[in-house]
Amino acid sequence: FILSNLESYKSHNKVFEFEDVCQRNCAG
């Protein structure tokens, strides 16, 4: 996969957004 903060790649199913990855819910 690829991590990105660019709007142009958000819709690709193998691209994850920076903020989503950094704010991952890791409870427990």
mmCIF file of all heavy atoms, coordinates in Angstrom:
data_MODEL
# 
_entry.id   MODEL 
# 
loop_
_atom_site.group_PDB 
_atom_site.id 
_atom_site.type_symbol 
_atom_site.label_atom_id 
_atom_site.label_alt_id 
_atom_site.label_comp_id 
_atom_site.label_asym_id 
_atom_site.label_entity_id 
_atom_site.label_seq_id 
_atom_site.pdbx_PDB_ins_code 
_atom_site.Cartn_x 
_atom_site.Cartn_y 
_atom_site.Cartn_z 
_atom_site.occupancy 
_atom_site.B_iso_or_equiv 
_atom_site.pdbx_formal_charge 
_atom_site.auth_seq_id 
_atom_site.auth_comp_id 
_atom_site.auth_asym_id 
_atom_site.auth_atom_id 
_atom_site.pdbx_PDB_model_num 
ATOM 1   N N   . PHE A 1 1  ? 0.849   -1.190 0.000  1.00 0.00 ? 1  PHE A N   1 
ATOM 2   C CA  . PHE A 1 1  ? 0.000   0.000  0.000  1.00 0.00 ? 1  PHE A CA  1 
ATOM 3   C C   . PHE A 1 1  ? 0.889   1.247  0.000  1.00 0.00 ? 1  PHE A C   1 
ATOM 4   O O   . PHE A 1 1  ? 2.119   1.151  0.123  1.00 0.00 ? 1  PHE A O   1 
ATOM 5   C CB  . PHE A 1 1  ? -0.940  0.024  1.219  1.00 0.00 ? 1  PHE A CB  1 
ATOM 6   C CG  . PHE A 1 1  ? -0.241  -0.151 2.542  1.00 0.00 ? 1  PHE A CG  1 
ATOM 7   C CD1 . PHE A 1 1  ? 0.456   0.901  3.136  1.00 0.00 ? 1  PHE A CD1 1 
ATOM 8   C CD2 . PHE A 1 1  ? -0.267  -1.377 3.200  1.00 0.00 ? 1  PHE A CD2 1 
ATOM 9   C CE1 . PHE A 1 1  ? 1.098   0.735  4.350  1.00 0.00 ? 1  PHE A CE1 1 
ATOM 10  C CE2 . PHE A 1 1  ? 0.386   -1.551 4.414  1.00 0.00 ? 1  PHE A CE2 1 
ATOM 11  C CZ  . PHE A 1 1  ? 1.068   -0.491 4.990  1.00 0.00 ? 1  PHE A CZ  1 
ATOM 12  N N   . ILE A 1 2  ? 0.234   2.397  -0.117 1.00 0.00 ? 2  ILE A N   1 
ATOM 13  C CA  . ILE A 1 2  ? 0.931   3.687  -0.086 1.00 0.00 ? 2  ILE A CA  1 
ATOM 14  C C   . ILE A 1 2  ? 0.223   4.596  0.913  1.00 0.00 ? 2  ILE A C   1 
ATOM 15  O O   . ILE A 1 2  ? -1.017  4.610  0.983  1.00 0.00 ? 2  ILE A O   1 
ATOM 16  C CB  . ILE A 1 2  ? 0.956   4.335  -1.489 1.00 0.00 ? 2  ILE A CB  1 
ATOM 17  C CG1 . ILE A 1 2  ? 1.899   3.552  -2.416 1.00 0.00 ? 2  ILE A CG1 1 
ATOM 18  C CG2 . ILE A 1 2  ? 1.381   5.805  -1.423 1.00 0.00 ? 2  ILE A CG2 1 
ATOM 19  C CD1 . ILE A 1 2  ? 1.877   3.999  -3.861 1.00 0.00 ? 2  ILE A CD1 1 
ATOM 20  N N   . LEU A 1 3  ? 0.980   5.332  1.691  1.00 0.00 ? 3  LEU A N   1 
ATOM 21  C CA  . LEU A 1 3  ? 0.438   6.312  2.626  1.00 0.00 ? 3  LEU A CA  1 
ATOM 22  C C   . LEU A 1 3  ? 0.576   7.695  2.001  1.00 0.00 ? 3  LEU A C   1 
ATOM 23  O O   . LEU A 1 3  ? 1.612   8.012  1.416  1.00 0.00 ? 3  LEU A O   1 
ATOM 24  C CB  . LEU A 1 3  ? 1.177   6.253  3.958  1.00 0.00 ? 3  LEU A CB  1 
ATOM 25  C CG  . LEU A 1 3  ? 1.265   4.876  4.630  1.00 0.00 ? 3  LEU A CG  1 
ATOM 26  C CD1 . LEU A 1 3  ? 1.960   4.972  5.978  1.00 0.00 ? 3  LEU A CD1 1 
ATOM 27  C CD2 . LEU A 1 3  ? -0.110  4.271  4.789  1.00 0.00 ? 3  LEU A CD2 1 
ATOM 28  N N   . SER A 1 4  ? -0.460  8.521  2.130  1.00 0.00 ? 4  SER A N   1 
ATOM 29  C CA  . SER A 1 4  ? -0.443  9.828  1.461  1.00 0.00 ? 4  SER A CA  1 
ATOM 30  C C   . SER A 1 4  ? -1.325  10.825 2.196  1.00 0.00 ? 4  SER A C   1 
ATOM 31  O O   . SER A 1 4  ? -2.252  10.442 2.930  1.00 0.00 ? 4  SER A O   1 
ATOM 32  C CB  . SER A 1 4  ? -0.928  9.682  0.011  1.00 0.00 ? 4  SER A CB  1 
ATOM 33  O OG  . SER A 1 4  ? -0.920  10.925 -0.655 1.00 0.00 ? 4  SER A OG  1 
ATOM 34  N N   . ASN A 1 5  ? -1.017  12.119 1.997  1.00 0.00 ? 5  ASN A N   1 
ATOM 35  C CA  . ASN A 1 5  ? -1.915  13.176 2.473  1.00 0.00 ? 5  ASN A CA  1 
ATOM 36  C C   . ASN A 1 5  ? -2.442  14.010 1.306  1.00 0.00 ? 5  ASN A C   1 
ATOM 37  O O   . ASN A 1 5  ? -2.916  15.131 1.497  1.00 0.00 ? 5  ASN A O   1 
ATOM 38  C CB  . ASN A 1 5  ? -1.216  14.073 3.505  1.00 0.00 ? 5  ASN A CB  1 
ATOM 39  C CG  . ASN A 1 5  ? -0.039  14.852 2.934  1.00 0.00 ? 5  ASN A CG  1 
ATOM 40  O OD1 . ASN A 1 5  ? 0.367   14.635 1.781  1.00 0.00 ? 5  ASN A OD1 1 
ATOM 41  N ND2 . ASN A 1 5  ? 0.528   15.756 3.725  1.00 0.00 ? 5  ASN A ND2 1 
ATOM 42  N N   . LEU A 1 6  ? -2.349  13.461 0.089  1.00 0.00 ? 6  LEU A N   1 
ATOM 43  C CA  . LEU A 1 6  ? -2.786  14.190 -1.096 1.00 0.00 ? 6  LEU A CA  1 
ATOM 44  C C   . LEU A 1 6  ? -4.207  13.770 -1.489 1.00 0.00 ? 6  LEU A C   1 
ATOM 45  O O   . LEU A 1 6  ? -4.527  12.579 -1.569 1.00 0.00 ? 6  LEU A O   1 
ATOM 46  C CB  . LEU A 1 6  ? -1.826  13.939 -2.258 1.00 0.00 ? 6  LEU A CB  1 
ATOM 47  C CG  . LEU A 1 6  ? -0.368  14.354 -2.023 1.00 0.00 ? 6  LEU A CG  1 
ATOM 48  C CD1 . LEU A 1 6  ? 0.455   14.110 -3.276 1.00 0.00 ? 6  LEU A CD1 1 
ATOM 49  C CD2 . LEU A 1 6  ? -0.272  15.818 -1.619 1.00 0.00 ? 6  LEU A CD2 1 
ATOM 50  N N   . GLU A 1 7  ? -5.026  14.776 -1.750 1.00 0.00 ? 7  GLU A N   1 
ATOM 51  C CA  . GLU A 1 7  ? -6.429  14.545 -2.088 1.00 0.00 ? 7  GLU A CA  1 
ATOM 52  C C   . GLU A 1 7  ? -6.587  13.675 -3.331 1.00 0.00 ? 7  GLU A C   1 
ATOM 53  O O   . GLU A 1 7  ? -7.504  12.854 -3.430 1.00 0.00 ? 7  GLU A O   1 
ATOM 54  C CB  . GLU A 1 7  ? -7.111  15.904 -2.313 1.00 0.00 ? 7  GLU A CB  1 
ATOM 55  C CG  . GLU A 1 7  ? -8.621  15.851 -2.397 1.00 0.00 ? 7  GLU A CG  1 
ATOM 56  C CD  . GLU A 1 7  ? -9.275  15.590 -1.049 1.00 0.00 ? 7  GLU A CD  1 
ATOM 57  O OE1 . GLU A 1 7  ? -8.648  15.892 -0.006 1.00 0.00 ? 7  GLU A OE1 1 
ATOM 58  O OE2 . GLU A 1 7  ? -10.402 15.072 -1.057 1.00 0.00 ? 7  GLU A OE2 1 
ATOM 59  N N   . SER A 1 8  ? -5.691  13.825 -4.289 1.00 0.00 ? 8  SER A N   1 
ATOM 60  C CA  . SER A 1 8  ? -5.833  13.155 -5.586 1.00 0.00 ? 8  SER A CA  1 
ATOM 61  C C   . SER A 1 8  ? -5.729  11.628 -5.507 1.00 0.00 ? 8  SER A C   1 
ATOM 62  O O   . SER A 1 8  ? -6.137  10.925 -6.430 1.00 0.00 ? 8  SER A O   1 
ATOM 63  C CB  . SER A 1 8  ? -4.790  13.684 -6.567 1.00 0.00 ? 8  SER A CB  1 
ATOM 64  O OG  . SER A 1 8  ? -3.480  13.532 -6.044 1.00 0.00 ? 8  SER A OG  1 
ATOM 65  N N   . TYR A 1 9  ? -5.162  11.102 -4.403 1.00 0.00 ? 9  TYR A N   1 
ATOM 66  C CA  . TYR A 1 9  ? -4.989  9.660  -4.294 1.00 0.00 ? 9  TYR A CA  1 
ATOM 67  C C   . TYR A 1 9  ? -5.946  9.004  -3.291 1.00 0.00 ? 9  TYR A C   1 
ATOM 68  O O   . TYR A 1 9  ? -5.920  7.785  -3.105 1.00 0.00 ? 9  TYR A O   1 
ATOM 69  C CB  . TYR A 1 9  ? -3.550  9.327  -3.887 1.00 0.00 ? 9  TYR A CB  1 
ATOM 70  C CG  . TYR A 1 9  ? -2.503  9.834  -4.855 1.00 0.00 ? 9  TYR A CG  1 
ATOM 71  C CD1 . TYR A 1 9  ? -1.499  10.699 -4.438 1.00 0.00 ? 9  TYR A CD1 1 
ATOM 72  C CD2 . TYR A 1 9  ? -2.519  9.450  -6.193 1.00 0.00 ? 9  TYR A CD2 1 
ATOM 73  C CE1 . TYR A 1 9  ? -0.536  11.169 -5.331 1.00 0.00 ? 9  TYR A CE1 1 
ATOM 74  C CE2 . TYR A 1 9  ? -1.566  9.911  -7.082 1.00 0.00 ? 9  TYR A CE2 1 
ATOM 75  C CZ  . TYR A 1 9  ? -0.580  10.781 -6.644 1.00 0.00 ? 9  TYR A CZ  1 
ATOM 76  O OH  . TYR A 1 9  ? 0.367   11.237 -7.531 1.00 0.00 ? 9  TYR A OH  1 
ATOM 77  N N   . LYS A 1 10 ? -6.783  9.796  -2.640 1.00 0.00 ? 10 LYS A N   1 
ATOM 78  C CA  . LYS A 1 10 ? -7.609  9.286  -1.539 1.00 0.00 ? 10 LYS A CA  1 
ATOM 79  C C   . LYS A 1 10 ? -8.554  8.154  -1.948 1.00 0.00 ? 10 LYS A C   1 
ATOM 80  O O   . LYS A 1 10 ? -8.846  7.259  -1.164 1.00 0.00 ? 10 LYS A O   1 
ATOM 81  C CB  . LYS A 1 10 ? -8.442  10.436 -0.947 1.00 0.00 ? 10 LYS A CB  1 
ATOM 82  C CG  . LYS A 1 10 ? -7.647  11.348 -0.040 1.00 0.00 ? 10 LYS A CG  1 
ATOM 83  C CD  . LYS A 1 10 ? -8.473  12.533 0.428  1.00 0.00 ? 10 LYS A CD  1 
ATOM 84  C CE  . LYS A 1 10 ? -9.624  12.100 1.315  1.00 0.00 ? 10 LYS A CE  1 
ATOM 85  N NZ  . LYS A 1 10 ? -10.308 13.279 1.902  1.00 0.00 ? 10 LYS A NZ  1 
ATOM 86  N N   . SER A 1 11 ? -9.029  8.191  -3.185 1.00 0.00 ? 11 SER A N   1 
ATOM 87  C CA  . SER A 1 11 ? -10.046 7.222  -3.591 1.00 0.00 ? 11 SER A CA  1 
ATOM 88  C C   . SER A 1 11 ? -9.484  5.839  -3.914 1.00 0.00 ? 11 SER A C   1 
ATOM 89  O O   . SER A 1 11 ? -10.244 4.874  -4.040 1.00 0.00 ? 11 SER A O   1 
ATOM 90  C CB  . SER A 1 11 ? -10.804 7.755  -4.817 1.00 0.00 ? 11 SER A CB  1 
ATOM 91  O OG  . SER A 1 11 ? -9.905  7.951  -5.905 1.00 0.00 ? 11 SER A OG  1 
ATOM 92  N N   . HIS A 1 12 ? -8.163  5.722  -4.029 1.00 0.00 ? 12 HIS A N   1 
ATOM 93  C CA  . HIS A 1 12 ? -7.570  4.428  -4.374 1.00 0.00 ? 12 HIS A CA  1 
ATOM 94  C C   . HIS A 1 12 ? -7.624  3.491  -3.163 1.00 0.00 ? 12 HIS A C   1 
ATOM 95  O O   . HIS A 1 12 ? -7.280  3.882  -2.047 1.00 0.00 ? 12 HIS A O   1 
ATOM 96  C CB  . HIS A 1 12 ? -6.132  4.608  -4.842 1.00 0.00 ? 12 HIS A CB  1 
ATOM 97  C CG  . HIS A 1 12 ? -5.585  3.430  -5.586 1.00 0.00 ? 12 HIS A CG  1 
ATOM 98  N ND1 . HIS A 1 12 ? -5.244  2.253  -4.964 1.00 0.00 ? 12 HIS A ND1 1 
ATOM 99  C CD2 . HIS A 1 12 ? -5.328  3.241  -6.916 1.00 0.00 ? 12 HIS A CD2 1 
ATOM 100 C CE1 . HIS A 1 12 ? -4.790  1.397  -5.862 1.00 0.00 ? 12 HIS A CE1 1 
ATOM 101 N NE2 . HIS A 1 12 ? -4.832  1.971  -7.057 1.00 0.00 ? 12 HIS A NE2 1 
ATOM 102 N N   . ASN A 1 13 ? -8.020  2.240  -3.382 1.00 0.00 ? 13 ASN A N   1 
ATOM 103 C CA  . ASN A 1 13 ? -8.198  1.324  -2.248 1.00 0.00 ? 13 ASN A CA  1 
ATOM 104 C C   . ASN A 1 13 ? -6.897  0.841  -1.621 1.00 0.00 ? 13 ASN A C   1 
ATOM 105 O O   . ASN A 1 13 ? -6.911  0.186  -0.575 1.00 0.00 ? 13 ASN A O   1 
ATOM 106 C CB  . ASN A 1 13 ? -9.053  0.121  -2.667 1.00 0.00 ? 13 ASN A CB  1 
ATOM 107 C CG  . ASN A 1 13 ? -8.375  -0.754 -3.713 1.00 0.00 ? 13 ASN A CG  1 
ATOM 108 O OD1 . ASN A 1 13 ? -7.335  -0.402 -4.265 1.00 0.00 ? 13 ASN A OD1 1 
ATOM 109 N ND2 . ASN A 1 13 ? -8.972  -1.903 -4.002 1.00 0.00 ? 13 ASN A ND2 1 
ATOM 110 N N   . LYS A 1 14 ? -5.767  1.160  -2.242 1.00 0.00 ? 14 LYS A N   1 
ATOM 111 C CA  . LYS A 1 14 ? -4.469  0.797  -1.674 1.00 0.00 ? 14 LYS A CA  1 
ATOM 112 C C   . LYS A 1 14 ? -3.717  2.031  -1.140 1.00 0.00 ? 14 LYS A C   1 
ATOM 113 O O   . LYS A 1 14 ? -2.512  1.970  -0.901 1.00 0.00 ? 14 LYS A O   1 
ATOM 114 C CB  . LYS A 1 14 ? -3.603  0.091  -2.725 1.00 0.00 ? 14 LYS A CB  1 
ATOM 115 C CG  . LYS A 1 14 ? -4.106  -1.299 -3.110 1.00 0.00 ? 14 LYS A CG  1 
ATOM 116 C CD  . LYS A 1 14 ? -3.955  -2.292 -1.971 1.00 0.00 ? 14 LYS A CD  1 
ATOM 117 C CE  . LYS A 1 14 ? -4.302  -3.704 -2.426 1.00 0.00 ? 14 LYS A CE  1 
ATOM 118 N NZ  . LYS A 1 14 ? -4.160  -4.682 -1.320 1.00 0.00 ? 14 LYS A NZ  1 
ATOM 119 N N   . VAL A 1 15 ? -4.439  3.117  -0.982 1.00 0.00 ? 15 VAL A N   1 
ATOM 120 C CA  . VAL A 1 15 ? -3.853  4.337  -0.420 1.00 0.00 ? 15 VAL A CA  1 
ATOM 121 C C   . VAL A 1 15 ? -4.548  4.639  0.899  1.00 0.00 ? 15 VAL A C   1 
ATOM 122 O O   . VAL A 1 15 ? -5.785  4.694  0.975  1.00 0.00 ? 15 VAL A O   1 
ATOM 123 C CB  . VAL A 1 15 ? -4.001  5.535  -1.378 1.00 0.00 ? 15 VAL A CB  1 
ATOM 124 C CG1 . VAL A 1 15 ? -3.532  6.823  -0.694 1.00 0.00 ? 15 VAL A CG1 1 
ATOM 125 C CG2 . VAL A 1 15 ? -3.203  5.299  -2.654 1.00 0.00 ? 15 VAL A CG2 1 
ATOM 126 N N   . PHE A 1 16 ? -3.757  4.827  1.960  1.00 0.00 ? 16 PHE A N   1 
ATOM 127 C CA  . PHE A 1 16 ? -4.283  5.175  3.278  1.00 0.00 ? 16 PHE A CA  1 
ATOM 128 C C   . PHE A 1 16 ? -3.800  6.577  3.646  1.00 0.00 ? 16 PHE A C   1 
ATOM 129 O O   . PHE A 1 16 ? -2.650  6.932  3.399  1.00 0.00 ? 16 PHE A O   1 
ATOM 130 C CB  . PHE A 1 16 ? -3.824  4.159  4.327  1.00 0.00 ? 16 PHE A CB  1 
ATOM 131 C CG  . PHE A 1 16 ? -4.329  2.771  4.081  1.00 0.00 ? 16 PHE A CG  1 
ATOM 132 C CD1 . PHE A 1 16 ? -3.587  1.872  3.309  1.00 0.00 ? 16 PHE A CD1 1 
ATOM 133 C CD2 . PHE A 1 16 ? -5.545  2.356  4.597  1.00 0.00 ? 16 PHE A CD2 1 
ATOM 134 C CE1 . PHE A 1 16 ? -4.047  0.586  3.066  1.00 0.00 ? 16 PHE A CE1 1 
ATOM 135 C CE2 . PHE A 1 16 ? -6.014  1.075  4.358  1.00 0.00 ? 16 PHE A CE2 1 
ATOM 136 C CZ  . PHE A 1 16 ? -5.273  0.183  3.591  1.00 0.00 ? 16 PHE A CZ  1 
ATOM 137 N N   . GLU A 1 17 ? -4.690  7.331  4.262  1.00 0.00 ? 17 GLU A N   1 
ATOM 138 C CA  . GLU A 1 17 ? -4.366  8.724  4.581  1.00 0.00 ? 17 GLU A CA  1 
ATOM 139 C C   . GLU A 1 17 ? -3.470  8.823  5.809  1.00 0.00 ? 17 GLU A C   1 
ATOM 140 O O   . GLU A 1 17 ? -3.626  8.066  6.783  1.00 0.00 ? 17 GLU A O   1 
ATOM 141 C CB  . GLU A 1 17 ? -5.658  9.512  4.802  1.00 0.00 ? 17 GLU A CB  1 
ATOM 142 C CG  . GLU A 1 17 ? -6.493  9.680  3.547  1.00 0.00 ? 17 GLU A CG  1 
ATOM 143 C CD  . GLU A 1 17 ? -7.669  10.604 3.784  1.00 0.00 ? 17 GLU A CD  1 
ATOM 144 O OE1 . GLU A 1 17 ? -7.440  11.752 4.222  1.00 0.00 ? 17 GLU A OE1 1 
ATOM 145 O OE2 . GLU A 1 17 ? -8.811  10.175 3.545  1.00 0.00 ? 17 GLU A OE2 1 
ATOM 146 N N   . PHE A 1 18 ? -2.549  9.780  5.764  1.00 0.00 ? 18 PHE A N   1 
ATOM 147 C CA  . PHE A 1 18 ? -1.632  10.021 6.876  1.00 0.00 ? 18 PHE A CA  1 
ATOM 148 C C   . PHE A 1 18 ? -2.371  10.086 8.214  1.00 0.00 ? 18 PHE A C   1 
ATOM 149 O O   . PHE A 1 18 ? -2.018  9.412  9.181  1.00 0.00 ? 18 PHE A O   1 
ATOM 150 C CB  . PHE A 1 18 ? -0.890  11.349 6.678  1.00 0.00 ? 18 PHE A CB  1 
ATOM 151 C CG  . PHE A 1 18 ? 0.297   11.288 5.748  1.00 0.00 ? 18 PHE A CG  1 
ATOM 152 C CD1 . PHE A 1 18 ? 0.612   10.146 5.054  1.00 0.00 ? 18 PHE A CD1 1 
ATOM 153 C CD2 . PHE A 1 18 ? 1.103   12.416 5.572  1.00 0.00 ? 18 PHE A CD2 1 
ATOM 154 C CE1 . PHE A 1 18 ? 1.711   10.091 4.200  1.00 0.00 ? 18 PHE A CE1 1 
ATOM 155 C CE2 . PHE A 1 18 ? 2.193   12.386 4.725  1.00 0.00 ? 18 PHE A CE2 1 
ATOM 156 C CZ  . PHE A 1 18 ? 2.504   11.220 4.036  1.00 0.00 ? 18 PHE A CZ  1 
ATOM 157 N N   . GLU A 1 19 ? -3.373  10.967 8.282  1.00 0.00 ? 19 GLU A N   1 
ATOM 158 C CA  . GLU A 1 19 ? -4.048  11.224 9.559  1.00 0.00 ? 19 GLU A CA  1 
ATOM 159 C C   . GLU A 1 19 ? -4.740  9.973  10.081 1.00 0.00 ? 19 GLU A C   1 
ATOM 160 O O   . GLU A 1 19 ? -4.719  9.696  11.283 1.00 0.00 ? 19 GLU A O   1 
ATOM 161 C CB  . GLU A 1 19 ? -5.034  12.378 9.417  1.00 0.00 ? 19 GLU A CB  1 
ATOM 162 C CG  . GLU A 1 19 ? -4.349  13.730 9.285  1.00 0.00 ? 19 GLU A CG  1 
ATOM 163 C CD  . GLU A 1 19 ? -5.317  14.892 9.430  1.00 0.00 ? 19 GLU A CD  1 
ATOM 164 O OE1 . GLU A 1 19 ? -6.517  14.642 9.657  1.00 0.00 ? 19 GLU A OE1 1 
ATOM 165 O OE2 . GLU A 1 19 ? -4.869  16.047 9.324  1.00 0.00 ? 19 GLU A OE2 1 
ATOM 166 N N   . ASP A 1 20 ? -5.367  9.206  9.199  1.00 0.00 ? 20 ASP A N   1 
ATOM 167 C CA  . ASP A 1 20 ? -6.050  7.980  9.632  1.00 0.00 ? 20 ASP A CA  1 
ATOM 168 C C   . ASP A 1 20 ? -5.065  6.988  10.232 1.00 0.00 ? 20 ASP A C   1 
ATOM 169 O O   . ASP A 1 20 ? -5.353  6.327  11.241 1.00 0.00 ? 20 ASP A O   1 
ATOM 170 C CB  . ASP A 1 20 ? -6.769  7.324  8.448  1.00 0.00 ? 20 ASP A CB  1 
ATOM 171 C CG  . ASP A 1 20 ? -7.984  8.118  7.995  1.00 0.00 ? 20 ASP A CG  1 
ATOM 172 O OD1 . ASP A 1 20 ? -8.402  9.024  8.738  1.00 0.00 ? 20 ASP A OD1 1 
ATOM 173 O OD2 . ASP A 1 20 ? -8.496  7.833  6.894  1.00 0.00 ? 20 ASP A OD2 1 
ATOM 174 N N   . VAL A 1 21 ? -3.900  6.884  9.596  1.00 0.00 ? 21 VAL A N   1 
ATOM 175 C CA  . VAL A 1 21 ? -2.885  5.939  10.077 1.00 0.00 ? 21 VAL A CA  1 
ATOM 176 C C   . VAL A 1 21 ? -2.302  6.399  11.407 1.00 0.00 ? 21 VAL A C   1 
ATOM 177 O O   . VAL A 1 21 ? -2.115  5.597  12.333 1.00 0.00 ? 21 VAL A O   1 
ATOM 178 C CB  . VAL A 1 21 ? -1.775  5.768  9.018  1.00 0.00 ? 21 VAL A CB  1 
ATOM 179 C CG1 . VAL A 1 21 ? -0.612  4.964  9.580  1.00 0.00 ? 21 VAL A CG1 1 
ATOM 180 C CG2 . VAL A 1 21 ? -2.327  5.107  7.761  1.00 0.00 ? 21 VAL A CG2 1 
ATOM 181 N N   . CYS A 1 22 ? -2.032  7.694  11.521 1.00 0.00 ? 22 CYS A N   1 
ATOM 182 C CA  . CYS A 1 22 ? -1.410  8.220  12.745 1.00 0.00 ? 22 CYS A CA  1 
ATOM 183 C C   . CYS A 1 22 ? -2.377  8.248  13.924 1.00 0.00 ? 22 CYS A C   1 
ATOM 184 O O   . CYS A 1 22 ? -1.952  8.223  15.083 1.00 0.00 ? 22 CYS A O   1 
ATOM 185 C CB  . CYS A 1 22 ? -0.863  9.625  12.492 1.00 0.00 ? 22 CYS A CB  1 
ATOM 186 S SG  . CYS A 1 22 ? 0.577   9.654  11.411 1.00 0.00 ? 22 CYS A SG  1 
ATOM 187 N N   . GLN A 1 23 ? -3.669  8.311  13.631 1.00 0.00 ? 23 GLN A N   1 
ATOM 188 C CA  . GLN A 1 23 ? -4.666  8.363  14.705 1.00 0.00 ? 23 GLN A CA  1 
ATOM 189 C C   . GLN A 1 23 ? -5.371  7.010  14.874 1.00 0.00 ? 23 GLN A C   1 
ATOM 190 O O   . GLN A 1 23 ? -6.491  6.927  15.351 1.00 0.00 ? 23 GLN A O   1 
ATOM 191 C CB  . GLN A 1 23 ? -5.692  9.454  14.397 1.00 0.00 ? 23 GLN A CB  1 
ATOM 192 C CG  . GLN A 1 23 ? -5.093  10.850 14.382 1.00 0.00 ? 23 GLN A CG  1 
ATOM 193 C CD  . GLN A 1 23 ? -6.057  11.915 13.874 1.00 0.00 ? 23 GLN A CD  1 
ATOM 194 O OE1 . GLN A 1 23 ? -7.227  11.633 13.616 1.00 0.00 ? 23 GLN A OE1 1 
ATOM 195 N NE2 . GLN A 1 23 ? -5.561  13.123 13.724 1.00 0.00 ? 23 GLN A NE2 1 
ATOM 196 N N   . ARG A 1 24 ? -4.698  5.955  14.494 1.00 0.00 ? 24 ARG A N   1 
ATOM 197 C CA  . ARG A 1 24 ? -5.275  4.609  14.568 1.00 0.00 ? 24 ARG A CA  1 
ATOM 198 C C   . ARG A 1 24 ? -5.714  4.305  15.998 1.00 0.00 ? 24 ARG A C   1 
ATOM 199 O O   . ARG A 1 24 ? -5.000  4.595  16.967 1.00 0.00 ? 24 ARG A O   1 
ATOM 200 C CB  . ARG A 1 24 ? -4.213  3.596  14.134 1.00 0.00 ? 24 ARG A CB  1 
ATOM 201 C CG  . ARG A 1 24 ? -4.797  2.302  13.596 1.00 0.00 ? 24 ARG A CG  1 
ATOM 202 C CD  . ARG A 1 24 ? -5.432  2.540  12.258 1.00 0.00 ? 24 ARG A CD  1 
ATOM 203 N NE  . ARG A 1 24 ? -5.782  1.300  11.581 1.00 0.00 ? 24 ARG A NE  1 
ATOM 204 C CZ  . ARG A 1 24 ? -6.383  1.276  10.406 1.00 0.00 ? 24 ARG A CZ  1 
ATOM 205 N NH1 . ARG A 1 24 ? -6.699  2.400  9.803  1.00 0.00 ? 24 ARG A NH1 1 
ATOM 206 N NH2 . ARG A 1 24 ? -6.673  0.126  9.837  1.00 0.00 ? 24 ARG A NH2 1 
ATOM 207 N N   . ASN A 1 25 ? -6.881  3.733  16.128 1.00 0.00 ? 25 ASN A N   1 
ATOM 208 C CA  . ASN A 1 25 ? -7.383  3.341  17.446 1.00 0.00 ? 25 ASN A CA  1 
ATOM 209 C C   . ASN A 1 25 ? -6.723  2.024  17.855 1.00 0.00 ? 25 ASN A C   1 
ATOM 210 O O   . ASN A 1 25 ? -7.021  0.963  17.312 1.00 0.00 ? 25 ASN A O   1 
ATOM 211 C CB  . ASN A 1 25 ? -8.904  3.192  17.400 1.00 0.00 ? 25 ASN A CB  1 
ATOM 212 C CG  . ASN A 1 25 ? -9.476  2.869  18.767 1.00 0.00 ? 25 ASN A CG  1 
ATOM 213 O OD1 . ASN A 1 25 ? -8.742  2.760  19.747 1.00 0.00 ? 25 ASN A OD1 1 
ATOM 214 N ND2 . ASN A 1 25 ? -10.786 2.722  18.842 1.00 0.00 ? 25 ASN A ND2 1 
ATOM 215 N N   . CYS A 1 26 ? -5.812  2.129  18.806 1.00 0.00 ? 26 CYS A N   1 
ATOM 216 C CA  . CYS A 1 26 ? -5.071  0.936  19.229 1.00 0.00 ? 26 CYS A CA  1 
ATOM 217 C C   . CYS A 1 26 ? -5.435  0.547  20.657 1.00 0.00 ? 26 CYS A C   1 
ATOM 218 O O   . CYS A 1 26 ? -4.589  0.054  21.410 1.00 0.00 ? 26 CYS A O   1 
ATOM 219 C CB  . CYS A 1 26 ? -3.574  1.181  19.132 1.00 0.00 ? 26 CYS A CB  1 
ATOM 220 S SG  . CYS A 1 26 ? -3.007  1.366  17.440 1.00 0.00 ? 26 CYS A SG  1 
ATOM 221 N N   . ALA A 1 27 ? -6.653  0.810  21.042 1.00 0.00 ? 27 ALA A N   1 
ATOM 222 C CA  . ALA A 1 27 ? -7.083  0.529  22.413 1.00 0.00 ? 27 ALA A CA  1 
ATOM 223 C C   . ALA A 1 27 ? -6.761  -0.905 22.795 1.00 0.00 ? 27 ALA A C   1 
ATOM 224 O O   . ALA A 1 27 ? -7.132  -1.855 22.108 1.00 0.00 ? 27 ALA A O   1 
ATOM 225 C CB  . ALA A 1 27 ? -8.588  0.775  22.535 1.00 0.00 ? 27 ALA A CB  1 
ATOM 226 N N   . GLY A 1 28 ? -6.030  -1.031 23.884 1.00 0.00 ? 28 GLY A N   1 
ATOM 227 C CA  . GLY A 1 28 ? -5.679  -2.359 24.378 1.00 0.00 ? 28 GLY A CA  1 
ATOM 228 C C   . GLY A 1 28 ? -4.543  -3.027 23.650 1.00 0.00 ? 28 GLY A C   1 
ATOM 229 O O   . GLY A 1 28 ? -4.128  -4.117 24.018 1.00 0.00 ? 28 GLY A O   1 
# 
